[in-house]
Amino acid sequence: MLSLKERGKAEIIEKAYKITSPNGKCILFGVMRFDQKISINTLPLHLGKSIIGSEGGQSVPDVDIPKYLRMIDSGCIELGNFISHRYKIDDINSGIKFMKEGKSTHSLICFQNI
């Protein structure tokens, strides 16, 4: 498992693609900073290898979000190490700025005191 600081880095994505089997899928779930680029050999893409981005795990928000909230409330999921920053709704612009600058990995917007 990659640490939060390793997710979305160009060199990690390149390594993951390189070690993906010839007919395998490299699925990205970390987003690189907007100013980063990756360098890959594209020939394997024509021979069965693929690289794609995750779309929220194909979730169904109306079903999944309440389920995840129940799991968090019951202690099945521990978010303590997952959330890097918390912002009040009034500070959302600061959160977006930190994200664009690559200073925030996983932020939480709090609509009430948490």
PDB file of N, CA and C in Angstrom:
ATOM      1  N   MET A   1       0.841  -1.183   0.000  1.00  0.00           N
ATOM      2  CA  MET A   1       0.000   0.000   0.000  1.00  0.00           C
ATOM      3  C   MET A   1       0.879   1.237   0.000  1.00  0.00           C
ATOM      4  N   LEU A   2       0.558   2.186  -0.853  1.00  0.00           N
ATOM      5  CA  LEU A   2       1.320   3.421  -0.927  1.00  0.00           C
ATOM      6  C   LEU A   2       0.907   4.374   0.179  1.00  0.00           C
ATOM      7  N   SER A   3       1.868   5.135   0.669  1.00  0.00           N
ATOM      8  CA  SER A   3       1.528   6.159   1.648  1.00  0.00           C
ATOM      9  C   SER A   3       0.782   7.271   0.932  1.00  0.00           C
ATOM     10  N   LEU A   4       0.106   8.120   1.697  1.00  0.00           N
ATOM     11  CA  LEU A   4      -0.659   9.209   1.095  1.00  0.00           C
ATOM     12  C   LEU A   4       0.218  10.132   0.267  1.00  0.00           C
ATOM     13  N   LYS A   5       1.462  10.340   0.682  1.00  0.00           N
ATOM     14  CA  LYS A   5       2.357  11.241  -0.039  1.00  0.00           C
ATOM     15  C   LYS A   5       2.849  10.642  -1.344  1.00  0.00           C
ATOM     16  N   GLU A   6       2.780   9.309  -1.504  1.00  0.00           N
ATOM     17  CA  GLU A   6       3.256   8.655  -2.724  1.00  0.00           C
ATOM     18  C   GLU A   6       2.184   8.603  -3.805  1.00  0.00           C
ATOM     19  N   ARG A   7       0.926   8.688  -3.420  1.00  0.00           N
ATOM     20  CA  ARG A   7      -0.159   8.569  -4.389  1.00  0.00           C
ATOM     21  C   ARG A   7      -0.192   9.775  -5.308  1.00  0.00           C
ATOM     22  N   GLY A   8      -0.368   9.525  -6.599  1.00  0.00           N
ATOM     23  CA  GLY A   8      -0.482  10.609  -7.561  1.00  0.00           C
ATOM     24  C   GLY A   8       0.839  11.203  -8.014  1.00  0.00           C
ATOM     25  N   LYS A   9       1.958  10.576  -7.672  1.00  0.00           N
ATOM     26  CA  LYS A   9       3.260  11.081  -8.116  1.00  0.00           C
ATOM     27  C   LYS A   9       3.625  10.425  -9.447  1.00  0.00           C
ATOM     28  N   ALA A  10       4.198  11.227 -10.339  1.00  0.00           N
ATOM     29  CA  ALA A  10       4.524  10.737 -11.676  1.00  0.00           C
ATOM     30  C   ALA A  10       5.407   9.496 -11.626  1.00  0.00           C
ATOM     31  N   GLU A  11       6.461   9.509 -10.821  1.00  0.00           N
ATOM     32  CA  GLU A  11       7.378   8.363 -10.801  1.00  0.00           C
ATOM     33  C   GLU A  11       6.708   7.091 -10.279  1.00  0.00           C
ATOM     34  N   ILE A  12       5.758   7.225  -9.366  1.00  0.00           N
ATOM     35  CA  ILE A  12       5.035   6.056  -8.847  1.00  0.00           C
ATOM     36  C   ILE A  12       4.118   5.495  -9.934  1.00  0.00           C
ATOM     37  N   ILE A  13       3.441   6.381 -10.660  1.00  0.00           N
ATOM     38  CA  ILE A  13       2.566   5.943 -11.754  1.00  0.00           C
ATOM     39  C   ILE A  13       3.384   5.245 -12.834  1.00  0.00           C
ATOM     40  N   GLU A  14       4.534   5.807 -13.185  1.00  0.00           N
ATOM     41  CA  GLU A  14       5.395   5.185 -14.196  1.00  0.00           C
ATOM     42  C   GLU A  14       5.857   3.798 -13.745  1.00  0.00           C
ATOM     43  N   LYS A  15       6.245   3.658 -12.476  1.00  0.00           N
ATOM     44  CA  LYS A  15       6.682   2.357 -11.963  1.00  0.00           C
ATOM     45  C   LYS A  15       5.529   1.364 -11.969  1.00  0.00           C
ATOM     46  N   ALA A  16       4.347   1.813 -11.553  1.00  0.00           N
ATOM     47  CA  ALA A  16       3.179   0.920 -11.532  1.00  0.00           C
ATOM     48  C   ALA A  16       2.863   0.422 -12.939  1.00  0.00           C
ATOM     49  N   TYR A  17       2.916   1.307 -13.911  1.00  0.00           N
ATOM     50  CA  TYR A  17       2.660   0.920 -15.302  1.00  0.00           C
ATOM     51  C   TYR A  17       3.718  -0.072 -15.782  1.00  0.00           C
ATOM     52  N   LYS A  18       4.969   0.198 -15.438  1.00  0.00           N
ATOM     53  CA  LYS A  18       6.072  -0.658 -15.888  1.00  0.00           C
ATOM     54  C   LYS A  18       5.934  -2.086 -15.363  1.00  0.00           C
ATOM     55  N   ILE A  19       5.489  -2.246 -14.111  1.00  0.00           N
ATOM     56  CA  ILE A  19       5.396  -3.596 -13.534  1.00  0.00           C
ATOM     57  C   ILE A  19       4.054  -4.278 -13.794  1.00  0.00           C
ATOM     58  N   THR A  20       3.126  -3.565 -14.446  1.00  0.00           N
ATOM     59  CA  THR A  20       1.847  -4.180 -14.812  1.00  0.00           C
ATOM     60  C   THR A  20       2.099  -5.235 -15.886  1.00  0.00           C
ATOM     61  N   SER A  21       1.451  -6.385 -15.756  1.00  0.00           N
ATOM     62  CA  SER A  21       1.663  -7.477 -16.710  1.00  0.00           C
ATOM     63  C   SER A  21       1.257  -7.046 -18.125  1.00  0.00           C
ATOM     64  N   PRO A  22       1.755  -7.750 -19.151  1.00  0.00           N
ATOM     65  CA  PRO A  22       1.511  -7.349 -20.541  1.00  0.00           C
ATOM     66  C   PRO A  22       0.033  -7.175 -20.905  1.00  0.00           C
ATOM     67  N   ASN A  23      -0.857  -7.968 -20.320  1.00  0.00           N
ATOM     68  CA  ASN A  23      -2.288  -7.830 -20.604  1.00  0.00           C
ATOM     69  C   ASN A  23      -3.048  -7.253 -19.423  1.00  0.00           C
ATOM     70  N   GLY A  24      -2.320  -6.645 -18.476  1.00  0.00           N
ATOM     71  CA  GLY A  24      -2.942  -6.151 -17.257  1.00  0.00           C
ATOM     72  C   GLY A  24      -3.431  -4.723 -17.358  1.00  0.00           C
ATOM     73  N   LYS A  25      -4.131  -4.307 -16.297  1.00  0.00           N
ATOM     74  CA  LYS A  25      -4.642  -2.940 -16.203  1.00  0.00           C
ATOM     75  C   LYS A  25      -3.927  -2.233 -15.059  1.00  0.00           C
ATOM     76  N   CYS A  26      -3.445  -1.053 -15.317  1.00  0.00           N
ATOM     77  CA  CYS A  26      -2.883  -0.186 -14.288  1.00  0.00           C
ATOM     78  C   CYS A  26      -3.969   0.844 -13.991  1.00  0.00           C
ATOM     79  N   ILE A  27      -4.553   0.774 -12.797  1.00  0.00           N
ATOM     80  CA  ILE A  27      -5.663   1.659 -12.440  1.00  0.00           C
ATOM     81  C   ILE A  27      -5.157   2.728 -11.485  1.00  0.00           C
ATOM     82  N   LEU A  28      -5.266   3.977 -11.888  1.00  0.00           N
ATOM     83  CA  LEU A  28      -4.781   5.097 -11.097  1.00  0.00           C
ATOM     84  C   LEU A  28      -5.882   5.596 -10.168  1.00  0.00           C
ATOM     85  N   PHE A  29      -5.543   5.753  -8.897  1.00  0.00           N
ATOM     86  CA  PHE A  29      -6.517   6.331  -7.981  1.00  0.00           C
ATOM     87  C   PHE A  29      -5.970   7.560  -7.281  1.00  0.00           C
ATOM     88  N   GLY A  30      -4.741   7.916  -7.549  1.00  0.00           N
ATOM     89  CA  GLY A  30      -4.179   9.167  -7.060  1.00  0.00           C
ATOM     90  C   GLY A  30      -4.066  10.126  -8.227  1.00  0.00           C
ATOM     91  N   VAL A  31      -4.333  11.383  -8.005  1.00  0.00           N
ATOM     92  CA  VAL A  31      -4.296  12.376  -9.069  1.00  0.00           C
ATOM     93  C   VAL A  31      -3.009  13.183  -8.955  1.00  0.00           C
ATOM     94  N   MET A  32      -2.287  13.266 -10.053  1.00  0.00           N
ATOM     95  CA  MET A  32      -1.045  14.041 -10.066  1.00  0.00           C
ATOM     96  C   MET A  32      -1.363  15.525  -9.988  1.00  0.00           C
ATOM     97  N   ARG A  33      -0.358  16.278  -9.548  1.00  0.00           N
ATOM     98  CA  ARG A  33      -0.474  17.737  -9.621  1.00  0.00           C
ATOM     99  C   ARG A  33      -0.663  18.120 -11.073  1.00  0.00           C
ATOM    100  N   PHE A  34      -1.362  19.215 -11.310  1.00  0.00           N
ATOM    101  CA  PHE A  34      -1.684  19.640 -12.669  1.00  0.00           C
ATOM    102  C   PHE A  34      -0.453  19.916 -13.520  1.00  0.00           C
ATOM    103  N   ASP A  35       0.691  20.214 -12.894  1.00  0.00           N
ATOM    104  CA  ASP A  35       1.894  20.554 -13.656  1.00  0.00           C
ATOM    105  C   ASP A  35       2.829  19.366 -13.862  1.00  0.00           C
ATOM    106  N   GLN A  36       2.414  18.158 -13.486  1.00  0.00           N
ATOM    107  CA  GLN A  36       3.239  16.966 -13.676  1.00  0.00           C
ATOM    108  C   GLN A  36       2.817  16.215 -14.927  1.00  0.00           C
ATOM    109  N   LYS A  37       3.747  15.494 -15.509  1.00  0.00           N
ATOM    110  CA  LYS A  37       3.497  14.646 -16.685  1.00  0.00           C
ATOM    111  C   LYS A  37       4.155  13.292 -16.433  1.00  0.00           C
ATOM    112  N   ILE A  38       3.661  12.251 -17.122  1.00  0.00           N
ATOM    113  CA  ILE A  38       4.306  10.948 -17.035  1.00  0.00           C
ATOM    114  C   ILE A  38       4.916  10.608 -18.389  1.00  0.00           C
ATOM    115  N   SER A  39       5.888   9.699 -18.361  1.00  0.00           N
ATOM    116  CA  SER A  39       6.528   9.222 -19.578  1.00  0.00           C
ATOM    117  C   SER A  39       6.431   7.698 -19.577  1.00  0.00           C
ATOM    118  N   ILE A  40       5.721   7.152 -20.562  1.00  0.00           N
ATOM    119  CA  ILE A  40       5.556   5.697 -20.653  1.00  0.00           C
ATOM    120  C   ILE A  40       5.798   5.243 -22.084  1.00  0.00           C
ATOM    121  N   ASN A  41       6.144   3.965 -22.223  1.00  0.00           N
ATOM    122  CA  ASN A  41       6.255   3.333 -23.529  1.00  0.00           C
ATOM    123  C   ASN A  41       4.838   2.947 -23.950  1.00  0.00           C
ATOM    124  N   THR A  42       4.356   3.480 -25.065  1.00  0.00           N
ATOM    125  CA  THR A  42       2.968   3.239 -25.461  1.00  0.00           C
ATOM    126  C   THR A  42       2.755   1.956 -26.265  1.00  0.00           C
ATOM    127  N   LEU A  43       3.822   1.313 -26.738  1.00  0.00           N
ATOM    128  CA  LEU A  43       3.646   0.085 -27.517  1.00  0.00           C
ATOM    129  C   LEU A  43       2.810  -0.957 -26.768  1.00  0.00           C
ATOM    130  N   PRO A  44       3.050  -1.211 -25.464  1.00  0.00           N
ATOM    131  CA  PRO A  44       2.237  -2.201 -24.766  1.00  0.00           C
ATOM    132  C   PRO A  44       0.740  -1.884 -24.765  1.00  0.00           C
ATOM    133  N   LEU A  45       0.369  -0.606 -24.921  1.00  0.00           N
ATOM    134  CA  LEU A  45      -1.051  -0.245 -24.978  1.00  0.00           C
ATOM    135  C   LEU A  45      -1.720  -0.830 -26.214  1.00  0.00           C
ATOM    136  N   HIS A  46      -0.951  -1.033 -27.268  1.00  0.00           N
ATOM    137  CA  HIS A  46      -1.484  -1.606 -28.506  1.00  0.00           C
ATOM    138  C   HIS A  46      -1.507  -3.129 -28.459  1.00  0.00           C
ATOM    139  N   LEU A  47      -0.893  -3.699 -27.428  1.00  0.00           N
ATOM    140  CA  LEU A  47      -0.793  -5.158 -27.311  1.00  0.00           C
ATOM    141  C   LEU A  47      -1.567  -5.716 -26.117  1.00  0.00           C
ATOM    142  N   GLY A  48      -2.435  -4.896 -25.505  1.00  0.00           N
ATOM    143  CA  GLY A  48      -3.299  -5.421 -24.448  1.00  0.00           C
ATOM    144  C   GLY A  48      -3.160  -4.783 -23.073  1.00  0.00           C
ATOM    145  N   LYS A  49      -2.054  -4.100 -22.814  1.00  0.00           N
ATOM    146  CA  LYS A  49      -1.902  -3.431 -21.514  1.00  0.00           C
ATOM    147  C   LYS A  49      -2.768  -2.176 -21.518  1.00  0.00           C
ATOM    148  N   SER A  50      -3.293  -1.796 -20.351  1.00  0.00           N
ATOM    149  CA  SER A  50      -4.067  -0.556 -20.290  1.00  0.00           C
ATOM    150  C   SER A  50      -3.743   0.215 -19.019  1.00  0.00           C
ATOM    151  N   ILE A  51      -3.961   1.507 -19.092  1.00  0.00           N
ATOM    152  CA  ILE A  51      -3.798   2.384 -17.941  1.00  0.00           C
ATOM    153  C   ILE A  51      -5.031   3.284 -17.920  1.00  0.00           C
ATOM    154  N   ILE A  52      -5.743   3.260 -16.799  1.00  0.00           N
ATOM    155  CA  ILE A  52      -6.977   4.046 -16.696  1.00  0.00           C
ATOM    156  C   ILE A  52      -7.040   4.713 -15.320  1.00  0.00           C
ATOM    157  N   GLY A  53      -7.861   5.723 -15.230  1.00  0.00           N
ATOM    158  CA  GLY A  53      -8.100   6.386 -13.957  1.00  0.00           C
ATOM    159  C   GLY A  53      -9.366   5.847 -13.311  1.00  0.00           C
ATOM    160  N   SER A  54      -9.344   5.779 -12.002  1.00  0.00           N
ATOM    161  CA  SER A  54     -10.516   5.339 -11.250  1.00  0.00           C
ATOM    162  C   SER A  54     -11.571   6.438 -11.271  1.00  0.00           C
ATOM    163  N   GLU A  55     -12.819   6.054 -11.318  1.00  0.00           N
ATOM    164  CA  GLU A  55     -13.924   7.010 -11.304  1.00  0.00           C
ATOM    165  C   GLU A  55     -14.701   6.860 -10.003  1.00  0.00           C
ATOM    166  N   GLY A  56     -14.011   7.022  -8.890  1.00  0.00           N
ATOM    167  CA  GLY A  56     -14.694   6.891  -7.610  1.00  0.00           C
ATOM    168  C   GLY A  56     -15.088   5.462  -7.306  1.00  0.00           C
ATOM    169  N   GLY A  57     -14.422   4.512  -7.952  1.00  0.00           N
ATOM    170  CA  GLY A  57     -14.711   3.111  -7.690  1.00  0.00           C
ATOM    171  C   GLY A  57     -16.056   2.670  -8.225  1.00  0.00           C
ATOM    172  N   GLN A  58     -16.595   3.405  -9.208  1.00  0.00           N
ATOM    173  CA  GLN A  58     -17.888   3.077  -9.791  1.00  0.00           C
ATOM    174  C   GLN A  58     -18.986   3.067  -8.726  1.00  0.00           C
ATOM    175  N   SER A  59     -18.911   3.994  -7.811  1.00  0.00           N
ATOM    176  CA  SER A  59     -19.853   4.024  -6.695  1.00  0.00           C
ATOM    177  C   SER A  59     -21.236   4.506  -7.125  1.00  0.00           C
ATOM    178  N   VAL A  60     -22.205   4.175  -6.292  1.00  0.00           N
ATOM    179  CA  VAL A  60     -23.581   4.665  -6.407  1.00  0.00           C
ATOM    180  C   VAL A  60     -23.801   5.512  -5.157  1.00  0.00           C
ATOM    181  N   PRO A  61     -23.591   6.823  -5.264  1.00  0.00           N
ATOM    182  CA  PRO A  61     -23.582   7.669  -4.075  1.00  0.00           C
ATOM    183  C   PRO A  61     -24.787   7.521  -3.148  1.00  0.00           C
ATOM    184  N   ASP A  62     -26.000   7.398  -3.698  1.00  0.00           N
ATOM    185  CA  ASP A  62     -27.192   7.284  -2.847  1.00  0.00           C
ATOM    186  C   ASP A  62     -27.164   6.033  -1.979  1.00  0.00           C
ATOM    187  N   VAL A  63     -26.503   5.006  -2.451  1.00  0.00           N
ATOM    188  CA  VAL A  63     -26.397   3.750  -1.703  1.00  0.00           C
ATOM    189  C   VAL A  63     -25.103   3.708  -0.895  1.00  0.00           C
ATOM    190  N   ASP A  64     -23.998   4.071  -1.539  1.00  0.00           N
ATOM    191  CA  ASP A  64     -22.681   3.889  -0.934  1.00  0.00           C
ATOM    192  C   ASP A  64     -22.359   4.870   0.186  1.00  0.00           C
ATOM    193  N   ILE A  65     -22.707   6.137   0.020  1.00  0.00           N
ATOM    194  CA  ILE A  65     -22.357   7.115   1.055  1.00  0.00           C
ATOM    195  C   ILE A  65     -23.011   6.777   2.393  1.00  0.00           C
ATOM    196  N   PRO A  66     -24.325   6.482   2.448  1.00  0.00           N
ATOM    197  CA  PRO A  66     -24.892   6.089   3.742  1.00  0.00           C
ATOM    198  C   PRO A  66     -24.237   4.816   4.314  1.00  0.00           C
ATOM    199  N   LYS A  67     -23.885   3.875   3.433  1.00  0.00           N
ATOM    200  CA  LYS A  67     -23.222   2.648   3.889  1.00  0.00           C
ATOM    201  C   LYS A  67     -21.870   2.973   4.504  1.00  0.00           C
ATOM    202  N   TYR A  68     -21.087   3.830   3.847  1.00  0.00           N
ATOM    203  CA  TYR A  68     -19.772   4.199   4.377  1.00  0.00           C
ATOM    204  C   TYR A  68     -19.892   4.970   5.679  1.00  0.00           C
ATOM    205  N   LEU A  69     -20.881   5.839   5.774  1.00  0.00           N
ATOM    206  CA  LEU A  69     -21.082   6.581   7.024  1.00  0.00           C
ATOM    207  C   LEU A  69     -21.421   5.640   8.180  1.00  0.00           C
ATOM    208  N   ARG A  70     -22.244   4.622   7.908  1.00  0.00           N
ATOM    209  CA  ARG A  70     -22.550   3.619   8.945  1.00  0.00           C
ATOM    210  C   ARG A  70     -21.285   2.863   9.347  1.00  0.00           C
ATOM    211  N   MET A  71     -20.441   2.533   8.367  1.00  0.00           N
ATOM    212  CA  MET A  71     -19.199   1.812   8.663  1.00  0.00           C
ATOM    213  C   MET A  71     -18.246   2.674   9.493  1.00  0.00           C
ATOM    214  N   ILE A  72     -18.192   3.959   9.201  1.00  0.00           N
ATOM    215  CA  ILE A  72     -17.356   4.874   9.981  1.00  0.00           C
ATOM    216  C   ILE A  72     -17.895   4.984  11.398  1.00  0.00           C
ATOM    217  N   ASP A  73     -19.213   5.178  11.534  1.00  0.00           N
ATOM    218  CA  ASP A  73     -19.835   5.298  12.861  1.00  0.00           C
ATOM    219  C   ASP A  73     -19.637   4.047  13.704  1.00  0.00           C
ATOM    220  N   SER A  74     -19.640   2.872  13.074  1.00  0.00           N
ATOM    221  CA  SER A  74     -19.492   1.620  13.824  1.00  0.00           C
ATOM    222  C   SER A  74     -18.026   1.259  14.090  1.00  0.00           C
ATOM    223  N   GLY A  75     -17.098   2.047  13.524  1.00  0.00           N
ATOM    224  CA  GLY A  75     -15.680   1.788  13.751  1.00  0.00           C
ATOM    225  C   GLY A  75     -15.052   0.823  12.765  1.00  0.00           C
ATOM    226  N   CYS A  76     -15.784   0.393  11.752  1.00  0.00           N
ATOM    227  CA  CYS A  76     -15.225  -0.527  10.742  1.00  0.00           C
ATOM    228  C   CYS A  76     -14.192   0.165   9.861  1.00  0.00           C
ATOM    229  N   ILE A  77     -14.350   1.454   9.654  1.00  0.00           N
ATOM    230  CA  ILE A  77     -13.411   2.230   8.857  1.00  0.00           C
ATOM    231  C   ILE A  77     -12.833   3.321   9.745  1.00  0.00           C
ATOM    232  N   GLU A  78     -11.506   3.421   9.777  1.00  0.00           N
ATOM    233  CA  GLU A  78     -10.805   4.440  10.574  1.00  0.00           C
ATOM    234  C   GLU A  78     -10.263   5.493   9.621  1.00  0.00           C
ATOM    235  N   LEU A  79     -10.753   6.710   9.740  1.00  0.00           N
ATOM    236  CA  LEU A  79     -10.336   7.779   8.844  1.00  0.00           C
ATOM    237  C   LEU A  79      -9.179   8.617   9.381  1.00  0.00           C
ATOM    238  N   GLY A  80      -8.769   8.371  10.593  1.00  0.00           N
ATOM    239  CA  GLY A  80      -7.759   9.205  11.239  1.00  0.00           C
ATOM    240  C   GLY A  80      -6.519   9.446  10.401  1.00  0.00           C
ATOM    241  N   ASN A  81      -5.971   8.423   9.781  1.00  0.00           N
ATOM    242  CA  ASN A  81      -4.753   8.569   8.986  1.00  0.00           C
ATOM    243  C   ASN A  81      -5.035   8.893   7.526  1.00  0.00           C
ATOM    244  N   PHE A  82      -6.281   8.813   7.129  1.00  0.00           N
ATOM    245  CA  PHE A  82      -6.634   9.038   5.732  1.00  0.00           C
ATOM    246  C   PHE A  82      -6.788  10.529   5.417  1.00  0.00           C
ATOM    247  N   ILE A  83      -7.375  11.269   6.340  1.00  0.00           N
ATOM    248  CA  ILE A  83      -7.645  12.690   6.110  1.00  0.00           C
ATOM    249  C   ILE A  83      -6.413  13.505   6.477  1.00  0.00           C
ATOM    250  N   SER A  84      -5.909  14.269   5.518  1.00  0.00           N
ATOM    251  CA  SER A  84      -4.716  15.075   5.773  1.00  0.00           C
ATOM    252  C   SER A  84      -5.069  16.479   6.272  1.00  0.00           C
ATOM    253  N   HIS A  85      -6.190  17.013   5.831  1.00  0.00           N
ATOM    254  CA  HIS A  85      -6.598  18.359   6.216  1.00  0.00           C
ATOM    255  C   HIS A  85      -8.121  18.411   6.370  1.00  0.00           C
ATOM    256  N   ARG A  86      -8.582  19.250   7.285  1.00  0.00           N
ATOM    257  CA  ARG A  86     -10.011  19.508   7.474  1.00  0.00           C
ATOM    258  C   ARG A  86     -10.252  20.998   7.292  1.00  0.00           C
ATOM    259  N   TYR A  87     -11.334  21.321   6.576  1.00  0.00           N
ATOM    260  CA  TYR A  87     -11.672  22.719   6.331  1.00  0.00           C
ATOM    261  C   TYR A  87     -13.138  22.948   6.666  1.00  0.00           C
ATOM    262  N   LYS A  88     -13.425  24.109   7.262  1.00  0.00           N
ATOM    263  CA  LYS A  88     -14.808  24.532   7.420  1.00  0.00           C
ATOM    264  C   LYS A  88     -15.285  24.984   6.047  1.00  0.00           C
ATOM    265  N   ILE A  89     -16.585  24.954   5.836  1.00  0.00           N
ATOM    266  CA  ILE A  89     -17.126  25.316   4.530  1.00  0.00           C
ATOM    267  C   ILE A  89     -16.700  26.731   4.133  1.00  0.00           C
ATOM    268  N   ASP A  90     -16.551  27.616   5.111  1.00  0.00           N
ATOM    269  CA  ASP A  90     -16.120  28.988   4.814  1.00  0.00           C
ATOM    270  C   ASP A  90     -14.680  29.051   4.309  1.00  0.00           C
ATOM    271  N   ASP A  91     -13.883  28.017   4.565  1.00  0.00           N
ATOM    272  CA  ASP A  91     -12.471  27.985   4.171  1.00  0.00           C
ATOM    273  C   ASP A  91     -12.222  27.090   2.961  1.00  0.00           C
ATOM    274  N   ILE A  92     -13.271  26.789   2.212  1.00  0.00           N
ATOM    275  CA  ILE A  92     -13.143  25.857   1.096  1.00  0.00           C
ATOM    276  C   ILE A  92     -12.135  26.347   0.051  1.00  0.00           C
ATOM    277  N   ASN A  93     -12.049  27.663  -0.152  1.00  0.00           N
ATOM    278  CA  ASN A  93     -11.097  28.190  -1.139  1.00  0.00           C
ATOM    279  C   ASN A  93      -9.658  27.919  -0.716  1.00  0.00           C
ATOM    280  N   SER A  94      -9.374  27.973   0.583  1.00  0.00           N
ATOM    281  CA  SER A  94      -8.036  27.628   1.080  1.00  0.00           C
ATOM    282  C   SER A  94      -7.739  26.159   0.792  1.00  0.00           C
ATOM    283  N   GLY A  95      -8.740  25.308   0.992  1.00  0.00           N
ATOM    284  CA  GLY A  95      -8.564  23.888   0.717  1.00  0.00           C
ATOM    285  C   GLY A  95      -8.270  23.614  -0.745  1.00  0.00           C
ATOM    286  N   ILE A  96      -8.971  24.295  -1.619  1.00  0.00           N
ATOM    287  CA  ILE A  96      -8.740  24.129  -3.054  1.00  0.00           C
ATOM    288  C   ILE A  96      -7.350  24.624  -3.420  1.00  0.00           C
ATOM    289  N   LYS A  97      -6.937  25.746  -2.842  1.00  0.00           N
ATOM    290  CA  LYS A  97      -5.608  26.297  -3.107  1.00  0.00           C
ATOM    291  C   LYS A  97      -4.522  25.307  -2.673  1.00  0.00           C
ATOM    292  N   PHE A  98      -4.658  24.741  -1.456  1.00  0.00           N
ATOM    293  CA  PHE A  98      -3.680  23.761  -0.965  1.00  0.00           C
ATOM    294  C   PHE A  98      -3.631  22.549  -1.888  1.00  0.00           C
ATOM    295  N   MET A  99      -4.800  22.101  -2.366  1.00  0.00           N
ATOM    296  CA  MET A  99      -4.846  20.941  -3.253  1.00  0.00           C
ATOM    297  C   MET A  99      -4.099  21.244  -4.552  1.00  0.00           C
ATOM    298  N   LYS A 100      -4.350  22.399  -5.138  1.00  0.00           N
ATOM    299  CA  LYS A 100      -3.685  22.767  -6.392  1.00  0.00           C
ATOM    300  C   LYS A 100      -2.183  22.904  -6.219  1.00  0.00           C
ATOM    301  N   GLU A 101      -1.750  23.314  -5.027  1.00  0.00           N
ATOM    302  CA  GLU A 101      -0.323  23.466  -4.737  1.00  0.00           C
ATOM    303  C   GLU A 101       0.333  22.150  -4.337  1.00  0.00           C
ATOM    304  N   GLY A 102      -0.458  21.076  -4.237  1.00  0.00           N
ATOM    305  CA  GLY A 102       0.079  19.779  -3.853  1.00  0.00           C
ATOM    306  C   GLY A 102       0.401  19.665  -2.381  1.00  0.00           C
ATOM    307  N   LYS A 103      -0.172  20.529  -1.548  1.00  0.00           N
ATOM    308  CA  LYS A 103       0.099  20.523  -0.113  1.00  0.00           C
ATOM    309  C   LYS A 103      -0.919  19.696   0.665  1.00  0.00           C
ATOM    310  N   SER A 104      -1.946  19.233   0.001  1.00  0.00           N
ATOM    311  CA  SER A 104      -3.018  18.489   0.656  1.00  0.00           C
ATOM    312  C   SER A 104      -3.260  17.205  -0.118  1.00  0.00           C
ATOM    313  N   THR A 105      -3.340  16.088   0.576  1.00  0.00           N
ATOM    314  CA  THR A 105      -3.592  14.824  -0.110  1.00  0.00           C
ATOM    315  C   THR A 105      -5.062  14.442  -0.073  1.00  0.00           C
ATOM    316  N   HIS A 106      -5.659  14.380   1.104  1.00  0.00           N
ATOM    317  CA  HIS A 106      -7.076  14.030   1.245  1.00  0.00           C
ATOM    318  C   HIS A 106      -7.710  14.999   2.233  1.00  0.00           C
ATOM    319  N   SER A 107      -8.521  15.883   1.710  1.00  0.00           N
ATOM    320  CA  SER A 107      -9.130  16.918   2.535  1.00  0.00           C
ATOM    321  C   SER A 107     -10.596  16.607   2.797  1.00  0.00           C
ATOM    322  N   LEU A 108     -11.068  17.093   3.921  1.00  0.00           N
ATOM    323  CA  LEU A 108     -12.453  16.924   4.323  1.00  0.00           C
ATOM    324  C   LEU A 108     -13.058  18.302   4.535  1.00  0.00           C
ATOM    325  N   ILE A 109     -14.192  18.563   3.903  1.00  0.00           N
ATOM    326  CA  ILE A 109     -14.924  19.798   4.117  1.00  0.00           C
ATOM    327  C   ILE A 109     -15.956  19.501   5.205  1.00  0.00           C
ATOM    328  N   CYS A 110     -15.870  20.224   6.308  1.00  0.00           N
ATOM    329  CA  CYS A 110     -16.764  20.002   7.448  1.00  0.00           C
ATOM    330  C   CYS A 110     -17.928  20.993   7.375  1.00  0.00           C
ATOM    331  N   PHE A 111     -19.125  20.476   7.337  1.00  0.00           N
ATOM    332  CA  PHE A 111     -20.309  21.316   7.297  1.00  0.00           C
ATOM    333  C   PHE A 111     -20.816  21.619   8.709  1.00  0.00           C
ATOM    334  N   GLN A 112     -20.225  20.953   9.693  1.00  0.00           N
ATOM    335  CA  GLN A 112     -20.508  21.201  11.098  1.00  0.00           C
ATOM    336  C   GLN A 112     -19.247  20.900  11.874  1.00  0.00           C
ATOM    337  N   ASN A 113     -19.216  21.220  13.144  1.00  0.00           N
ATOM    338  CA  ASN A 113     -18.016  20.960  13.941  1.00  0.00           C
ATOM    339  C   ASN A 113     -17.815  19.459  14.113  1.00  0.00           C
ATOM    340  N   ILE A 114     -16.709  18.955  13.583  1.00  0.00           N
ATOM    341  CA  ILE A 114     -16.377  17.529  13.691  1.00  0.00           C
ATOM    342  C   ILE A 114     -15.089  17.389  14.464  1.00  0.00           C
TER     343      ILE A 114
END
